[in-house]
N, C-alpha and C. Protein backbone atom coordinates (compact mmCIF):
# COMPACT_ATOMS: atom_id res chain seq x y z
N MET A 1 -6.54 -13.66 16.69
CA MET A 1 -6.52 -12.38 15.98
C MET A 1 -7.95 -11.88 15.82
N ALA A 2 -8.07 -10.61 16.05
CA ALA A 2 -9.36 -9.96 15.91
C ALA A 2 -9.11 -8.65 15.12
N ALA A 3 -10.08 -8.23 14.30
CA ALA A 3 -9.95 -7.00 13.54
C ALA A 3 -11.32 -6.33 13.47
N TRP A 4 -11.32 -4.98 13.41
CA TRP A 4 -12.52 -4.20 13.33
C TRP A 4 -12.19 -2.88 12.69
N PHE A 5 -13.26 -2.22 12.18
CA PHE A 5 -13.12 -0.88 11.63
C PHE A 5 -13.33 0.14 12.75
N ASP A 6 -12.55 1.21 12.70
CA ASP A 6 -12.66 2.29 13.64
C ASP A 6 -12.64 3.60 12.88
N ASP A 7 -12.90 4.66 13.53
CA ASP A 7 -12.79 6.01 12.94
C ASP A 7 -13.65 6.12 11.69
N GLY A 8 -14.88 5.69 11.79
CA GLY A 8 -15.80 5.80 10.68
C GLY A 8 -15.46 4.95 9.46
N GLY A 9 -14.73 3.88 9.70
CA GLY A 9 -14.37 2.98 8.62
C GLY A 9 -13.09 3.35 7.90
N ARG A 10 -12.44 4.42 8.34
CA ARG A 10 -11.16 4.84 7.68
C ARG A 10 -9.94 4.08 8.21
N THR A 11 -10.06 3.37 9.31
CA THR A 11 -8.99 2.62 9.92
C THR A 11 -9.41 1.24 10.25
N ILE A 12 -8.51 0.24 9.98
CA ILE A 12 -8.69 -1.11 10.42
C ILE A 12 -7.81 -1.29 11.65
N VAL A 13 -8.40 -1.76 12.72
CA VAL A 13 -7.64 -2.06 13.92
C VAL A 13 -7.58 -3.57 14.09
N ALA A 14 -6.37 -4.09 14.29
CA ALA A 14 -6.18 -5.53 14.45
C ALA A 14 -5.44 -5.76 15.77
N ALA A 15 -5.83 -6.82 16.47
CA ALA A 15 -5.17 -7.19 17.72
C ALA A 15 -4.94 -8.69 17.73
N ASN A 16 -3.81 -9.09 18.29
CA ASN A 16 -3.50 -10.51 18.38
C ASN A 16 -3.67 -11.00 19.85
N GLU A 17 -3.57 -12.28 20.05
CA GLU A 17 -3.78 -12.87 21.34
C GLU A 17 -2.64 -12.53 22.34
N ARG A 18 -1.53 -12.00 21.85
CA ARG A 18 -0.43 -11.63 22.74
C ARG A 18 -0.46 -10.17 23.14
N GLY A 19 -1.52 -9.46 22.75
CA GLY A 19 -1.67 -8.03 23.12
C GLY A 19 -1.18 -7.04 22.10
N GLY A 20 -0.68 -7.48 20.98
CA GLY A 20 -0.23 -6.59 19.93
C GLY A 20 -1.40 -5.94 19.24
N ILE A 21 -1.35 -4.65 19.01
CA ILE A 21 -2.45 -3.94 18.36
C ILE A 21 -1.83 -3.12 17.20
N TRP A 22 -2.49 -3.18 16.01
CA TRP A 22 -2.06 -2.40 14.82
C TRP A 22 -3.22 -1.59 14.32
N SER A 23 -2.89 -0.36 13.87
CA SER A 23 -3.85 0.51 13.24
C SER A 23 -3.42 0.67 11.80
N ILE A 24 -4.32 0.31 10.88
CA ILE A 24 -3.96 0.26 9.44
C ILE A 24 -4.99 1.10 8.71
N PRO A 25 -4.56 2.08 7.88
CA PRO A 25 -5.54 2.80 7.08
C PRO A 25 -6.27 1.90 6.06
N SER A 26 -7.52 2.15 5.82
CA SER A 26 -8.25 1.32 4.88
C SER A 26 -8.36 1.99 3.52
N ASP A 27 -7.85 3.18 3.36
CA ASP A 27 -7.94 3.93 2.11
C ASP A 27 -6.81 3.47 1.18
N PRO A 28 -7.13 2.92 -0.02
CA PRO A 28 -6.09 2.51 -0.96
C PRO A 28 -5.14 3.62 -1.38
N ASP A 29 -5.61 4.87 -1.44
CA ASP A 29 -4.71 5.96 -1.76
C ASP A 29 -3.67 6.15 -0.66
N GLU A 30 -4.02 5.90 0.56
CA GLU A 30 -3.04 6.04 1.66
C GLU A 30 -2.04 4.88 1.56
N TRP A 31 -2.45 3.70 1.18
CA TRP A 31 -1.52 2.56 0.95
C TRP A 31 -0.50 2.94 -0.13
N GLN A 32 -1.04 3.48 -1.23
CA GLN A 32 -0.16 3.89 -2.32
C GLN A 32 0.87 4.95 -1.88
N ARG A 33 0.39 5.95 -1.17
CA ARG A 33 1.25 7.02 -0.70
C ARG A 33 2.35 6.44 0.16
N ARG A 34 1.98 5.55 1.08
CA ARG A 34 2.94 4.98 2.01
C ARG A 34 3.95 4.06 1.27
N ALA A 35 3.47 3.30 0.30
CA ALA A 35 4.33 2.44 -0.49
C ALA A 35 5.35 3.26 -1.25
N CYS A 36 4.92 4.38 -1.85
CA CYS A 36 5.82 5.23 -2.60
C CYS A 36 6.84 5.86 -1.63
N GLU A 37 6.40 6.27 -0.48
CA GLU A 37 7.27 6.85 0.55
C GLU A 37 8.36 5.85 0.96
N ILE A 38 7.94 4.61 1.23
CA ILE A 38 8.89 3.57 1.68
C ILE A 38 9.86 3.18 0.55
N ALA A 39 9.29 2.94 -0.65
CA ALA A 39 10.14 2.47 -1.74
C ALA A 39 11.05 3.59 -2.28
N GLY A 40 10.51 4.82 -2.30
CA GLY A 40 11.29 5.97 -2.81
C GLY A 40 11.42 5.91 -4.34
N ARG A 41 10.57 5.15 -5.00
CA ARG A 41 10.68 5.01 -6.46
C ARG A 41 9.45 4.33 -7.00
N ASN A 42 9.30 4.39 -8.33
CA ASN A 42 8.26 3.61 -9.01
C ASN A 42 8.78 2.18 -9.28
N LEU A 43 7.90 1.30 -9.62
CA LEU A 43 8.33 -0.04 -10.06
C LEU A 43 8.98 0.16 -11.42
N THR A 44 10.00 -0.72 -11.68
CA THR A 44 10.57 -0.77 -13.02
C THR A 44 9.57 -1.48 -13.93
N ARG A 45 9.73 -1.34 -15.23
CA ARG A 45 8.82 -2.04 -16.14
C ARG A 45 8.95 -3.53 -15.98
N GLU A 46 10.12 -4.01 -15.69
CA GLU A 46 10.33 -5.45 -15.46
C GLU A 46 9.51 -5.92 -14.24
N GLU A 47 9.63 -5.17 -13.10
CA GLU A 47 8.89 -5.50 -11.93
C GLU A 47 7.38 -5.47 -12.17
N TRP A 48 6.97 -4.42 -12.88
CA TRP A 48 5.51 -4.26 -13.18
C TRP A 48 5.01 -5.46 -13.99
N THR A 49 5.79 -5.85 -14.99
CA THR A 49 5.37 -6.99 -15.85
C THR A 49 5.29 -8.30 -15.04
N GLU A 50 6.20 -8.42 -14.08
CA GLU A 50 6.20 -9.63 -13.24
C GLU A 50 5.01 -9.61 -12.28
N LEU A 51 4.74 -8.49 -11.68
CA LEU A 51 3.76 -8.41 -10.61
C LEU A 51 2.36 -8.08 -11.08
N LEU A 52 2.25 -7.32 -12.17
CA LEU A 52 0.91 -6.87 -12.68
C LEU A 52 0.86 -7.12 -14.19
N PRO A 53 0.99 -8.38 -14.64
CA PRO A 53 1.13 -8.64 -16.07
C PRO A 53 -0.09 -8.26 -16.92
N ASP A 54 -1.27 -8.18 -16.31
CA ASP A 54 -2.49 -7.89 -17.04
C ASP A 54 -2.85 -6.40 -17.07
N ARG A 55 -1.96 -5.54 -16.51
CA ARG A 55 -2.22 -4.11 -16.46
C ARG A 55 -1.18 -3.35 -17.22
N PRO A 56 -1.54 -2.33 -17.99
CA PRO A 56 -0.52 -1.56 -18.66
C PRO A 56 0.31 -0.74 -17.65
N TYR A 57 1.61 -0.60 -17.95
CA TYR A 57 2.52 0.10 -17.07
C TYR A 57 2.07 1.57 -16.90
N HIS A 58 2.16 2.06 -15.73
CA HIS A 58 2.00 3.54 -15.51
C HIS A 58 2.72 3.90 -14.25
N LYS A 59 3.13 5.12 -14.13
CA LYS A 59 3.83 5.64 -13.01
C LYS A 59 2.82 5.83 -11.86
N THR A 60 3.10 5.28 -10.71
CA THR A 60 2.19 5.38 -9.57
C THR A 60 2.65 6.34 -8.48
N CYS A 61 3.96 6.62 -8.46
CA CYS A 61 4.49 7.56 -7.47
C CYS A 61 4.83 8.87 -8.17
N SER A 62 3.92 9.81 -8.07
CA SER A 62 4.07 11.06 -8.82
C SER A 62 5.33 11.85 -8.47
N ALA A 63 5.84 11.68 -7.25
CA ALA A 63 7.02 12.40 -6.81
C ALA A 63 8.31 11.83 -7.30
N HIS A 64 8.25 10.70 -7.99
CA HIS A 64 9.43 9.98 -8.42
C HIS A 64 9.41 9.75 -9.92
N PRO A 65 10.55 9.66 -10.57
CA PRO A 65 10.56 9.37 -12.03
C PRO A 65 9.98 8.01 -12.30
N GLY A 66 9.52 7.88 -13.58
CA GLY A 66 8.97 6.61 -14.01
C GLY A 66 10.03 5.51 -14.02
N GLY A 67 9.59 4.23 -13.98
CA GLY A 67 10.52 3.13 -14.01
C GLY A 67 11.17 2.98 -15.37
N THR A 68 12.29 2.31 -15.42
CA THR A 68 13.03 2.16 -16.66
C THR A 68 12.92 0.71 -17.10
């Protein structure tokens, strides 16, 4: 496996020994946008507490209602 930055550091490119190549954005805001797009919702308060116990709950996907 090999990885490098491309596009001025905005993209991580990774390649494996079998010829697979992936282009991954390095911007955390892009990761959040994509996660919200894929999930189609915010985390529930229960999920948040389990996954992020040391952080106060807040809505991360502005286009979706807050978790219950």
